[in-house]
């Protein structure tokens, strides 16, 4: 048995890694921790799973490293998009404040007349 006999393990772990990376970036604001935890957890599974199936740990450990890199990339993309969105919201808020300040200034001018 080789790693290609584990299709459920592969796609389920890939989905969990991507969802965990996005949630860790959005909720916890920890962008690197998801990649580290992915490698640790899948690395432990790489050494435990060969006890129950006829497979070596090397391909599973390679898969763990690959998924850690994917997790890091997803986290960095999420961080970049969050940063870009925060800048856009800050610009919008500052424009609204400028408009509000302008309205207040115009009202003060009208009162003084």
PDB file of N, CA and C in Angstrom:
ATOM      1  N   UNK A   1       0.848  -1.175   0.000  1.00  0.00           N
ATOM      2  CA  UNK A   1       0.000   0.000   0.000  1.00  0.00           C
ATOM      3  C   UNK A   1       0.894   1.240   0.000  1.00  0.00           C
ATOM      4  N   UNK A   2       0.540   2.212  -0.800  1.00  0.00           N
ATOM      5  CA  UNK A   2       1.310   3.447  -0.856  1.00  0.00           C
ATOM      6  C   UNK A   2       0.400   4.632  -0.566  1.00  0.00           C
ATOM      7  N   UNK A   3       0.931   5.825  -0.697  1.00  0.00           N
ATOM      8  CA  UNK A   3       0.173   7.023  -0.320  1.00  0.00           C
ATOM      9  C   UNK A   3      -1.033   7.250  -1.219  1.00  0.00           C
ATOM     10  N   UNK A   4      -1.032   6.706  -2.436  1.00  0.00           N
ATOM     11  CA  UNK A   4      -2.159   6.912  -3.336  1.00  0.00           C
ATOM     12  C   UNK A   4      -3.364   6.058  -2.963  1.00  0.00           C
ATOM     13  N   UNK A   5      -3.211   5.173  -2.004  1.00  0.00           N
ATOM     14  CA  UNK A   5      -4.334   4.392  -1.504  1.00  0.00           C
ATOM     15  C   UNK A   5      -5.081   5.101  -0.385  1.00  0.00           C
ATOM     16  N   UNK A   6      -4.695   6.328  -0.104  1.00  0.00           N
ATOM     17  CA  UNK A   6      -5.334   7.112   0.959  1.00  0.00           C
ATOM     18  C   UNK A   6      -6.045   8.348   0.386  1.00  0.00           C
ATOM     19  N   UNK A   7      -6.957   8.208  -0.556  1.00  0.00           N
ATOM     20  CA  UNK A   7      -7.568   9.417  -1.130  1.00  0.00           C
ATOM     21  C   UNK A   7      -8.380  10.214  -0.120  1.00  0.00           C
ATOM     22  N   UNK A   8      -9.084   9.547   0.788  1.00  0.00           N
ATOM     23  CA  UNK A   8      -9.868  10.281   1.782  1.00  0.00           C
ATOM     24  C   UNK A   8      -8.964  11.066   2.726  1.00  0.00           C
ATOM     25  N   UNK A   9      -7.878  10.470   3.155  1.00  0.00           N
ATOM     26  CA  UNK A   9      -6.923  11.159   4.025  1.00  0.00           C
ATOM     27  C   UNK A   9      -6.382  12.402   3.320  1.00  0.00           C
ATOM     28  N   UNK A  10      -6.106  12.273   2.041  1.00  0.00           N
ATOM     29  CA  UNK A  10      -5.502  13.383   1.309  1.00  0.00           C
ATOM     30  C   UNK A  10      -6.463  14.557   1.144  1.00  0.00           C
ATOM     31  N   UNK A  11      -7.654  14.291   0.658  1.00  0.00           N
ATOM     32  CA  UNK A  11      -8.531  15.434   0.406  1.00  0.00           C
ATOM     33  C   UNK A  11      -9.126  15.993   1.690  1.00  0.00           C
ATOM     34  N   UNK A  12      -9.381  15.160   2.675  1.00  0.00           N
ATOM     35  CA  UNK A  12      -9.918  15.666   3.942  1.00  0.00           C
ATOM     36  C   UNK A  12      -8.869  16.516   4.655  1.00  0.00           C
ATOM     37  N   UNK A  13      -7.634  16.054   4.675  1.00  0.00           N
ATOM     38  CA  UNK A  13      -6.590  16.844   5.332  1.00  0.00           C
ATOM     39  C   UNK A  13      -6.329  18.144   4.580  1.00  0.00           C
ATOM     40  N   UNK A  14      -6.422  18.131   3.251  1.00  0.00           N
ATOM     41  CA  UNK A  14      -6.217  19.360   2.479  1.00  0.00           C
ATOM     42  C   UNK A  14      -7.308  20.386   2.785  1.00  0.00           C
ATOM     43  N   UNK A  15      -8.539  19.948   2.845  1.00  0.00           N
ATOM     44  CA  UNK A  15      -9.644  20.861   3.151  1.00  0.00           C
ATOM     45  C   UNK A  15      -9.511  21.406   4.571  1.00  0.00           C
ATOM     46  N   UNK A  16      -9.185  20.552   5.518  1.00  0.00           N
ATOM     47  CA  UNK A  16      -9.032  20.990   6.908  1.00  0.00           C
ATOM     48  C   UNK A  16      -7.894  21.997   7.036  1.00  0.00           C
ATOM     49  N   UNK A  17      -6.787  21.751   6.338  1.00  0.00           N
ATOM     50  CA  UNK A  17      -5.646  22.668   6.400  1.00  0.00           C
ATOM     51  C   UNK A  17      -6.015  24.034   5.841  1.00  0.00           C
ATOM     52  N   UNK A  18      -6.711  24.079   4.730  1.00  0.00           N
ATOM     53  CA  UNK A  18      -7.078  25.359   4.121  1.00  0.00           C
ATOM     54  C   UNK A  18      -8.067  26.115   5.010  1.00  0.00           C
ATOM     55  N   UNK A  19      -9.070  25.425   5.519  1.00  0.00           N
ATOM     56  CA  UNK A  19     -10.051  26.076   6.391  1.00  0.00           C
ATOM     57  C   UNK A  19      -9.382  26.558   7.677  1.00  0.00           C
ATOM     58  N   UNK A  20      -8.531  25.737   8.267  1.00  0.00           N
ATOM     59  CA  UNK A  20      -7.837  26.128   9.488  1.00  0.00           C
ATOM     60  C   UNK A  20      -6.921  27.326   9.241  1.00  0.00           C
ATOM     61  N   UNK A  21      -6.259  27.370   8.104  1.00  0.00           N
ATOM     62  CA  UNK A  21      -5.378  28.501   7.794  1.00  0.00           C
ATOM     63  C   UNK A  21      -6.159  29.801   7.673  1.00  0.00           C
ATOM     64  N   UNK A  22      -7.294  29.738   7.008  1.00  0.00           N
ATOM     65  CA  UNK A  22      -8.110  30.941   6.846  1.00  0.00           C
ATOM     66  C   UNK A  22      -8.673  31.388   8.191  1.00  0.00           C
ATOM     67  N   UNK A  23      -9.193  30.444   8.969  1.00  0.00           N
ATOM     68  CA  UNK A  23      -9.756  30.807  10.266  1.00  0.00           C
ATOM     69  C   UNK A  23      -8.698  31.331  11.233  1.00  0.00           C
ATOM     70  N   UNK A  24      -7.517  30.732  11.228  1.00  0.00           N
ATOM     71  CA  UNK A  24      -6.451  31.206  12.112  1.00  0.00           C
ATOM     72  C   UNK A  24      -6.020  32.617  11.730  1.00  0.00           C
ATOM     73  N   UNK A  25      -6.021  32.911  10.445  1.00  0.00           N
ATOM     74  CA  UNK A  25      -5.647  34.252  10.009  1.00  0.00           C
ATOM     75  C   UNK A  25      -6.728  35.275  10.330  1.00  0.00           C
ATOM     76  N   UNK A  26      -7.978  34.910  10.111  1.00  0.00           N
ATOM     77  CA  UNK A  26      -9.062  35.868  10.316  1.00  0.00           C
ATOM     78  C   UNK A  26      -9.423  36.057  11.787  1.00  0.00           C
ATOM     79  N   UNK A  27      -9.525  34.973  12.524  1.00  0.00           N
ATOM     80  CA  UNK A  27     -10.006  35.061  13.897  1.00  0.00           C
ATOM     81  C   UNK A  27      -8.868  35.320  14.879  1.00  0.00           C
ATOM     82  N   UNK A  28      -7.833  34.510  14.811  1.00  0.00           N
ATOM     83  CA  UNK A  28      -6.753  34.614  15.787  1.00  0.00           C
ATOM     84  C   UNK A  28      -5.716  35.667  15.438  1.00  0.00           C
ATOM     85  N   UNK A  29      -5.681  36.086  14.186  1.00  0.00           N
ATOM     86  CA  UNK A  29      -4.674  37.036  13.682  1.00  0.00           C
ATOM     87  C   UNK A  29      -3.258  36.480  13.836  1.00  0.00           C
ATOM     88  N   UNK A  30      -3.160  35.146  13.867  1.00  0.00           N
ATOM     89  CA  UNK A  30      -1.868  34.468  13.915  1.00  0.00           C
ATOM     90  C   UNK A  30      -1.671  33.808  12.551  1.00  0.00           C
ATOM     91  N   UNK A  31      -0.749  34.333  11.772  1.00  0.00           N
ATOM     92  CA  UNK A  31      -0.636  33.902  10.393  1.00  0.00           C
ATOM     93  C   UNK A  31       0.345  32.743  10.204  1.00  0.00           C
ATOM     94  N   UNK A  32       1.326  32.624  11.042  1.00  0.00           N
ATOM     95  CA  UNK A  32       2.337  31.581  10.888  1.00  0.00           C
ATOM     96  C   UNK A  32       1.973  30.325  11.672  1.00  0.00           C
ATOM     97  N   UNK A  33       1.182  30.478  12.717  1.00  0.00           N
ATOM     98  CA  UNK A  33       0.892  29.347  13.592  1.00  0.00           C
ATOM     99  C   UNK A  33       0.170  28.221  12.869  1.00  0.00           C
ATOM    100  N   UNK A  34      -0.645  28.552  11.893  1.00  0.00           N
ATOM    101  CA  UNK A  34      -1.376  27.494  11.180  1.00  0.00           C
ATOM    102  C   UNK A  34      -0.424  26.596  10.399  1.00  0.00           C
ATOM    103  N   UNK A  35       0.600  27.167   9.795  1.00  0.00           N
ATOM    104  CA  UNK A  35       1.577  26.358   9.053  1.00  0.00           C
ATOM    105  C   UNK A  35       2.382  25.473  10.000  1.00  0.00           C
ATOM    106  N   UNK A  36       2.764  26.011  11.135  1.00  0.00           N
ATOM    107  CA  UNK A  36       3.546  25.242  12.106  1.00  0.00           C
ATOM    108  C   UNK A  36       2.716  24.093  12.679  1.00  0.00           C
ATOM    109  N   UNK A  37       1.480  24.404  13.065  1.00  0.00           N
ATOM    110  CA  UNK A  37       0.612  23.356  13.610  1.00  0.00           C
ATOM    111  C   UNK A  37       0.268  22.300  12.563  1.00  0.00           C
ATOM    112  N   UNK A  38       0.109  22.718  11.322  1.00  0.00           N
ATOM    113  CA  UNK A  38      -0.152  21.759  10.245  1.00  0.00           C
ATOM    114  C   UNK A  38       0.994  20.776  10.116  1.00  0.00           C
ATOM    115  N   UNK A  39       2.216  21.280  10.111  1.00  0.00           N
ATOM    116  CA  UNK A  39       3.363  20.392   9.973  1.00  0.00           C
ATOM    117  C   UNK A  39       3.499  19.467  11.178  1.00  0.00           C
ATOM    118  N   UNK A  40       3.282  20.000  12.359  1.00  0.00           N
ATOM    119  CA  UNK A  40       3.418  19.169  13.571  1.00  0.00           C
ATOM    120  C   UNK A  40       2.358  18.067  13.599  1.00  0.00           C
ATOM    121  N   UNK A  41       1.105  18.433  13.358  1.00  0.00           N
ATOM    122  CA  UNK A  41       0.026  17.443  13.437  1.00  0.00           C
ATOM    123  C   UNK A  41       0.150  16.402  12.333  1.00  0.00           C
ATOM    124  N   UNK A  42       0.363  16.839  11.088  1.00  0.00           N
ATOM    125  CA  UNK A  42       0.503  15.870  10.001  1.00  0.00           C
ATOM    126  C   UNK A  42       1.810  15.073  10.126  1.00  0.00           C
ATOM    127  N   UNK A  43       2.831  15.677  10.715  1.00  0.00           N
ATOM    128  CA  UNK A  43       4.066  14.937  10.963  1.00  0.00           C
ATOM    129  C   UNK A  43       3.872  13.829  11.982  1.00  0.00           C
ATOM    130  N   UNK A  44       3.113  14.106  13.027  1.00  0.00           N
ATOM    131  CA  UNK A  44       2.792  13.057  14.006  1.00  0.00           C
ATOM    132  C   UNK A  44       1.964  11.947  13.368  1.00  0.00           C
ATOM    133  N   UNK A  45       1.013  12.330  12.542  1.00  0.00           N
ATOM    134  CA  UNK A  45       0.203  11.328  11.846  1.00  0.00           C
ATOM    135  C   UNK A  45       1.080  10.496  10.918  1.00  0.00           C
ATOM    136  N   UNK A  46       2.119  11.114  10.337  1.00  0.00           N
ATOM    137  CA  UNK A  46       3.012  10.386   9.440  1.00  0.00           C
ATOM    138  C   UNK A  46       3.763   9.278  10.166  1.00  0.00           C
ATOM    139  N   UNK A  47       3.993   9.439  11.446  1.00  0.00           N
ATOM    140  CA  UNK A  47       4.678   8.391  12.191  1.00  0.00           C
ATOM    141  C   UNK A  47       3.717   7.411  12.863  1.00  0.00           C
ATOM    142  N   UNK A  48       2.475   7.816  13.051  1.00  0.00           N
ATOM    143  CA  UNK A  48       1.485   6.930  13.673  1.00  0.00           C
ATOM    144  C   UNK A  48       0.802   6.036  12.641  1.00  0.00           C
ATOM    145  N   UNK A  49       0.466   6.590  11.481  1.00  0.00           N
ATOM    146  CA  UNK A  49      -0.284   5.854  10.462  1.00  0.00           C
ATOM    147  C   UNK A  49       0.419   4.596   9.951  1.00  0.00           C
ATOM    148  N   UNK A  50       1.749   4.569   9.804  1.00  0.00           N
ATOM    149  CA  UNK A  50       2.394   3.329   9.349  1.00  0.00           C
ATOM    150  C   UNK A  50       2.254   2.145  10.309  1.00  0.00           C
ATOM    151  N   UNK A  51       1.874   2.405  11.539  1.00  0.00           N
ATOM    152  CA  UNK A  51       1.644   1.305  12.468  1.00  0.00           C
ATOM    153  C   UNK A  51       0.381   0.517  12.125  1.00  0.00           C
ATOM    154  N   UNK A  52      -0.535   1.144  11.425  1.00  0.00           N
ATOM    155  CA  UNK A  52      -1.810   0.514  11.110  1.00  0.00           C
ATOM    156  C   UNK A  52      -1.945   0.120   9.643  1.00  0.00           C
ATOM    157  N   UNK A  53      -1.173   0.726   8.768  1.00  0.00           N
ATOM    158  CA  UNK A  53      -1.227   0.434   7.338  1.00  0.00           C
ATOM    159  C   UNK A  53       0.168   0.116   6.825  1.00  0.00           C
ATOM    160  N   UNK A  54       0.229  -0.552   5.706  1.00  0.00           N
ATOM    161  CA  UNK A  54       1.506  -0.922   5.100  1.00  0.00           C
ATOM    162  C   UNK A  54       2.014   0.238   4.241  1.00  0.00           C
ATOM    163  N   UNK A  55       2.585   1.234   4.890  1.00  0.00           N
ATOM    164  CA  UNK A  55       3.120   2.407   4.206  1.00  0.00           C
ATOM    165  C   UNK A  55       4.290   2.926   5.035  1.00  0.00           C
ATOM    166  N   UNK A  56       5.208   3.572   4.382  1.00  0.00           N
ATOM    167  CA  UNK A  56       6.346   4.155   5.114  1.00  0.00           C
ATOM    168  C   UNK A  56       6.017   5.593   5.487  1.00  0.00           C
ATOM    169  N   UNK A  57       6.812   6.150   6.379  1.00  0.00           N
ATOM    170  CA  UNK A  57       6.534   7.493   6.867  1.00  0.00           C
ATOM    171  C   UNK A  57       7.025   8.587   5.923  1.00  0.00           C
ATOM    172  N   UNK A  58       7.972   8.278   5.018  1.00  0.00           N
ATOM    173  CA  UNK A  58       8.565   9.317   4.174  1.00  0.00           C
ATOM    174  C   UNK A  58       7.558  10.054   3.291  1.00  0.00           C
ATOM    175  N   UNK A  59       6.691   9.337   2.566  1.00  0.00           N
ATOM    176  CA  UNK A  59       5.734  10.091   1.746  1.00  0.00           C
ATOM    177  C   UNK A  59       4.742  10.903   2.578  1.00  0.00           C
ATOM    178  N   UNK A  60       4.370  10.386   3.718  1.00  0.00           N
ATOM    179  CA  UNK A  60       3.448  11.128   4.577  1.00  0.00           C
ATOM    180  C   UNK A  60       4.108  12.363   5.181  1.00  0.00           C
ATOM    181  N   UNK A  61       5.385  12.236   5.507  1.00  0.00           N
ATOM    182  CA  UNK A  61       6.111  13.396   6.036  1.00  0.00           C
ATOM    183  C   UNK A  61       6.322  14.442   4.944  1.00  0.00           C
ATOM    184  N   UNK A  62       6.564  13.998   3.726  1.00  0.00           N
ATOM    185  CA  UNK A  62       6.649  14.925   2.597  1.00  0.00           C
ATOM    186  C   UNK A  62       5.328  15.631   2.359  1.00  0.00           C
ATOM    187  N   UNK A  63       4.240  14.890   2.480  1.00  0.00           N
ATOM    188  CA  UNK A  63       2.917  15.486   2.346  1.00  0.00           C
ATOM    189  C   UNK A  63       2.669  16.500   3.458  1.00  0.00           C
ATOM    190  N   UNK A  64       3.131  16.213   4.655  1.00  0.00           N
ATOM    191  CA  UNK A  64       2.996  17.155   5.765  1.00  0.00           C
ATOM    192  C   UNK A  64       3.744  18.455   5.469  1.00  0.00           C
ATOM    193  N   UNK A  65       4.943  18.347   4.918  1.00  0.00           N
ATOM    194  CA  UNK A  65       5.713  19.545   4.562  1.00  0.00           C
ATOM    195  C   UNK A  65       5.015  20.318   3.447  1.00  0.00           C
ATOM    196  N   UNK A  66       4.491  19.597   2.461  1.00  0.00           N
ATOM    197  CA  UNK A  66       3.774  20.240   1.363  1.00  0.00           C
ATOM    198  C   UNK A  66       2.547  20.983   1.883  1.00  0.00           C
ATOM    199  N   UNK A  67       1.779  20.362   2.756  1.00  0.00           N
ATOM    200  CA  UNK A  67       0.580  21.000   3.293  1.00  0.00           C
ATOM    201  C   UNK A  67       0.937  22.183   4.203  1.00  0.00           C
ATOM    202  N   UNK A  68       2.079  22.121   4.871  1.00  0.00           N
ATOM    203  CA  UNK A  68       2.526  23.258   5.678  1.00  0.00           C
ATOM    204  C   UNK A  68       2.840  24.452   4.778  1.00  0.00           C
ATOM    205  N   UNK A  69       3.451  24.201   3.631  1.00  0.00           N
ATOM    206  CA  UNK A  69       3.736  25.286   2.679  1.00  0.00           C
ATOM    207  C   UNK A  69       2.440  25.847   2.114  1.00  0.00           C
ATOM    208  N   UNK A  70       1.495  24.974   1.771  1.00  0.00           N
ATOM    209  CA  UNK A  70       0.191  25.430   1.283  1.00  0.00           C
ATOM    210  C   UNK A  70      -0.507  26.270   2.358  1.00  0.00           C
ATOM    211  N   UNK A  71      -0.434  25.830   3.588  1.00  0.00           N
ATOM    212  CA  UNK A  71      -1.040  26.567   4.694  1.00  0.00           C
ATOM    213  C   UNK A  71      -0.403  27.948   4.848  1.00  0.00           C
ATOM    214  N   UNK A  72       0.905  28.012   4.726  1.00  0.00           N
ATOM    215  CA  UNK A  72       1.605  29.289   4.825  1.00  0.00           C
ATOM    216  C   UNK A  72       1.195  30.224   3.692  1.00  0.00           C
ATOM    217  N   UNK A  73       1.079  29.702   2.488  1.00  0.00           N
ATOM    218  CA  UNK A  73       0.683  30.523   1.344  1.00  0.00           C
ATOM    219  C   UNK A  73      -0.744  31.044   1.530  1.00  0.00           C
ATOM    220  N   UNK A  74      -1.653  30.179   1.954  1.00  0.00           N
ATOM    221  CA  UNK A  74      -3.047  30.604   2.188  1.00  0.00           C
ATOM    222  C   UNK A  74      -3.093  31.658   3.294  1.00  0.00           C
ATOM    223  N   UNK A  75      -2.324  31.487   4.340  1.00  0.00           N
ATOM    224  CA  UNK A  75      -2.295  32.466   5.434  1.00  0.00           C
ATOM    225  C   UNK A  75      -1.751  33.806   4.967  1.00  0.00           C
ATOM    226  N   UNK A  76      -0.703  33.788   4.161  1.00  0.00           N
ATOM    227  CA  UNK A  76      -0.127  35.037   3.672  1.00  0.00           C
ATOM    228  C   UNK A  76      -1.074  35.750   2.709  1.00  0.00           C
ATOM    229  N   UNK A  77      -1.776  34.991   1.889  1.00  0.00           N
ATOM    230  CA  UNK A  77      -2.765  35.606   0.993  1.00  0.00           C
ATOM    231  C   UNK A  77      -3.889  36.228   1.816  1.00  0.00           C
ATOM    232  N   UNK A  78      -4.342  35.532   2.839  1.00  0.00           N
ATOM    233  CA  UNK A  78      -5.386  36.068   3.712  1.00  0.00           C
ATOM    234  C   UNK A  78      -4.903  37.320   4.425  1.00  0.00           C
ATOM    235  N   UNK A  79      -3.673  37.312   4.906  1.00  0.00           N
ATOM    236  CA  UNK A  79      -3.098  38.485   5.575  1.00  0.00           C
ATOM    237  C   UNK A  79      -3.042  39.671   4.616  1.00  0.00           C
ATOM    238  N   UNK A  80      -2.604  39.434   3.378  1.00  0.00           N
ATOM    239  CA  UNK A  80      -2.503  40.509   2.400  1.00  0.00           C
ATOM    240  C   UNK A  80      -3.877  41.096   2.089  1.00  0.00           C
ATOM    241  N   UNK A  81      -4.863  40.248   1.899  1.00  0.00           N
ATOM    242  CA  UNK A  81      -6.206  40.732   1.590  1.00  0.00           C
ATOM    243  C   UNK A  81      -6.810  41.480   2.773  1.00  0.00           C
ATOM    244  N   UNK A  82      -6.557  41.009   3.996  1.00  0.00           N
ATOM    245  CA  UNK A  82      -7.048  41.714   5.182  1.00  0.00           C
ATOM    246  C   UNK A  82      -6.398  43.087   5.290  1.00  0.00           C
ATOM    247  N   UNK A  83      -5.109  43.163   5.034  1.00  0.00           N
ATOM    248  CA  UNK A  83      -4.378  44.425   5.100  1.00  0.00           C
ATOM    249  C   UNK A  83      -4.911  45.409   4.066  1.00  0.00           C
ATOM    250  N   UNK A  84      -5.124  44.912   2.856  1.00  0.00           N
ATOM    251  CA  UNK A  84      -5.641  45.742   1.776  1.00  0.00           C
ATOM    252  C   UNK A  84      -7.047  46.240   2.112  1.00  0.00           C
ATOM    253  N   UNK A  85      -7.870  45.370   2.690  1.00  0.00           N
ATOM    254  CA  UNK A  85      -9.232  45.752   3.060  1.00  0.00           C
ATOM    255  C   UNK A  85      -9.226  46.783   4.188  1.00  0.00           C
ATOM    256  N   UNK A  86      -8.329  46.627   5.160  1.00  0.00           N
ATOM    257  CA  UNK A  86      -8.242  47.606   6.252  1.00  0.00           C
ATOM    258  C   UNK A  86      -7.832  48.979   5.729  1.00  0.00           C
ATOM    259  N   UNK A  87      -6.892  49.004   4.771  1.00  0.00           N
ATOM    260  CA  UNK A  87      -6.486  50.285   4.195  1.00  0.00           C
ATOM    261  C   UNK A  87      -7.647  50.941   3.462  1.00  0.00           C
ATOM    262  N   UNK A  88      -8.408  50.152   2.720  1.00  0.00           N
ATOM    263  CA  UNK A  88      -9.550  50.680   1.978  1.00  0.00           C
ATOM    264  C   UNK A  88     -10.599  51.233   2.942  1.00  0.00           C
ATOM    265  N   UNK A  89     -10.871  50.520   4.022  1.00  0.00           N
ATOM    266  CA  UNK A  89     -11.839  50.998   5.010  1.00  0.00           C
ATOM    267  C   UNK A  89     -11.345  52.257   5.720  1.00  0.00           C
ATOM    268  N   UNK A  90     -10.045  52.325   6.004  1.00  0.00           N
ATOM    269  CA  UNK A  90      -9.488  53.517   6.648  1.00  0.00           C
ATOM    270  C   UNK A  90      -9.593  54.729   5.729  1.00  0.00           C
ATOM    271  N   UNK A  91      -9.336  54.545   4.438  1.00  0.00           N
ATOM    272  CA  UNK A  91      -9.474  55.646   3.484  1.00  0.00           C
ATOM    273  C   UNK A  91     -10.923  56.112   3.402  1.00  0.00           C
ATOM    274  N   UNK A  92     -11.829  55.173   3.361  1.00  0.00           N
ATOM    275  CA  UNK A  92     -13.250  55.509   3.286  1.00  0.00           C
ATOM    276  C   UNK A  92     -13.687  56.265   4.530  1.00  0.00           C
ATOM    277  N   UNK A  93     -13.237  55.833   5.689  1.00  0.00           N
ATOM    278  CA  UNK A  93     -13.592  56.485   6.938  1.00  0.00           C
ATOM    279  C   UNK A  93     -13.000  57.891   7.001  1.00  0.00           C
ATOM    280  N   UNK A  94     -11.762  58.051   6.544  1.00  0.00           N
ATOM    281  CA  UNK A  94     -11.145  59.378   6.574  1.00  0.00           C
ATOM    282  C   UNK A  94     -11.850  60.325   5.598  1.00  0.00           C
ATOM    283  N   UNK A  95     -12.301  59.802   4.454  1.00  0.00           N
ATOM    284  CA  UNK A  95     -13.048  60.647   3.520  1.00  0.00           C
ATOM    285  C   UNK A  95     -14.379  61.070   4.119  1.00  0.00           C
ATOM    286  N   UNK A  96     -15.037  60.166   4.828  1.00  0.00           N
ATOM    287  CA  UNK A  96     -16.295  60.505   5.479  1.00  0.00           C
ATOM    288  C   UNK A  96     -16.077  61.551   6.565  1.00  0.00           C
ATOM    289  N   UNK A  97     -14.966  61.458   7.287  1.00  0.00           N
ATOM    290  CA  UNK A  97     -14.658  62.450   8.318  1.00  0.00           C
ATOM    291  C   UNK A  97     -14.387  63.810   7.694  1.00  0.00           C
ATOM    292  N   UNK A  98     -13.687  63.828   6.556  1.00  0.00           N
ATOM    293  CA  UNK A  98     -13.404  65.091   5.874  1.00  0.00           C
ATOM    294  C   UNK A  98     -14.704  65.711   5.398  1.00  0.00           C
ATOM    295  N   UNK A  99     -15.590  64.906   4.858  1.00  0.00           N
ATOM    296  CA  UNK A  99     -16.886  65.418   4.396  1.00  0.00           C
ATOM    297  C   UNK A  99     -17.680  65.952   5.586  1.00  0.00           C
ATOM    298  N   UNK A 100     -17.679  65.208   6.685  1.00  0.00           N
ATOM    299  CA  UNK A 100     -18.395  65.642   7.885  1.00  0.00           C
ATOM    300  C   UNK A 100     -17.797  66.932   8.436  1.00  0.00           C
ATOM    301  N   UNK A 101     -16.462  67.043   8.446  1.00  0.00           N
ATOM    302  CA  UNK A 101     -15.813  68.262   8.913  1.00  0.00           C
ATOM    303  C   UNK A 101     -16.162  69.432   8.012  1.00  0.00           C
ATOM    304  N   UNK A 102     -16.227  69.171   6.727  1.00  0.00           N
ATOM    305  CA  UNK A 102     -16.607  70.229   5.785  1.00  0.00           C
ATOM    306  C   UNK A 102     -18.028  70.689   6.015  1.00  0.00           C
ATOM    307  N   UNK A 103     -18.930  69.787   6.286  1.00  0.00           N
ATOM    308  CA  UNK A 103     -20.320  70.157   6.574  1.00  0.00           C
ATOM    309  C   UNK A 103     -20.409  70.981   7.851  1.00  0.00           C
ATOM    310  N   UNK A 104     -19.653  70.577   8.873  1.00  0.00           N
ATOM    311  CA  UNK A 104     -19.663  71.330  10.123  1.00  0.00           C
ATOM    312  C   UNK A 104     -19.094  72.732   9.908  1.00  0.00           C
ATOM    313  N   UNK A 105     -18.040  72.833   9.083  1.00  0.00           N
ATOM    314  CA  UNK A 105     -17.438  74.134   8.802  1.00  0.00           C
ATOM    315  C   UNK A 105     -18.438  75.022   8.068  1.00  0.00           C
ATOM    316  N   UNK A 106     -19.145  74.442   7.096  1.00  0.00           N
ATOM    317  CA  UNK A 106     -20.137  75.222   6.363  1.00  0.00           C
ATOM    318  C   UNK A 106     -21.275  75.672   7.268  1.00  0.00           C
ATOM    319  N   UNK A 107     -21.697  74.828   8.204  1.00  0.00           N
ATOM    320  CA  UNK A 107     -22.750  75.208   9.137  1.00  0.00           C
ATOM    321  C   UNK A 107     -22.286  76.343  10.057  1.00  0.00           C
ATOM    322  N   UNK A 108     -21.034  76.303  10.487  1.00  0.00           N
ATOM    323  CA  UNK A 108     -20.510  77.367  11.338  1.00  0.00           C
ATOM    324  C   UNK A 108     -20.451  78.684  10.565  1.00  0.00           C
ATOM    325  N   UNK A 109     -20.105  78.621   9.304  1.00  0.00           N
ATOM    326  CA  UNK A 109     -20.051  79.834   8.479  1.00  0.00           C
ATOM    327  C   UNK A 109     -21.445  80.436   8.334  1.00  0.00           C
ATOM    328  N   UNK A 110     -22.451  79.568   8.148  1.00  0.00           N
ATOM    329  CA  UNK A 110     -23.821  80.055   8.001  1.00  0.00           C
ATOM    330  C   UNK A 110     -24.309  80.695   9.290  1.00  0.00           C
ATOM    331  N   UNK A 111     -23.942  80.126  10.417  1.00  0.00           N
ATOM    332  CA  UNK A 111     -24.363  80.682  11.712  1.00  0.00           C
ATOM    333  C   UNK A 111     -23.734  82.044  11.968  1.00  0.00           C
ATOM    334  N   UNK A 112     -22.462  82.185  11.548  1.00  0.00           N
ATOM    335  CA  UNK A 112     -21.758  83.452  11.784  1.00  0.00           C
ATOM    336  C   UNK A 112     -22.339  84.583  10.937  1.00  0.00           C
ATOM    337  N   UNK A 113     -22.961  84.278   9.832  1.00  0.00           N
ATOM    338  CA  UNK A 113     -23.497  85.328   8.951  1.00  0.00           C
ATOM    339  C   UNK A 113     -24.718  85.894   9.486  1.00  0.00           C
TER     340      UNK A 113
END
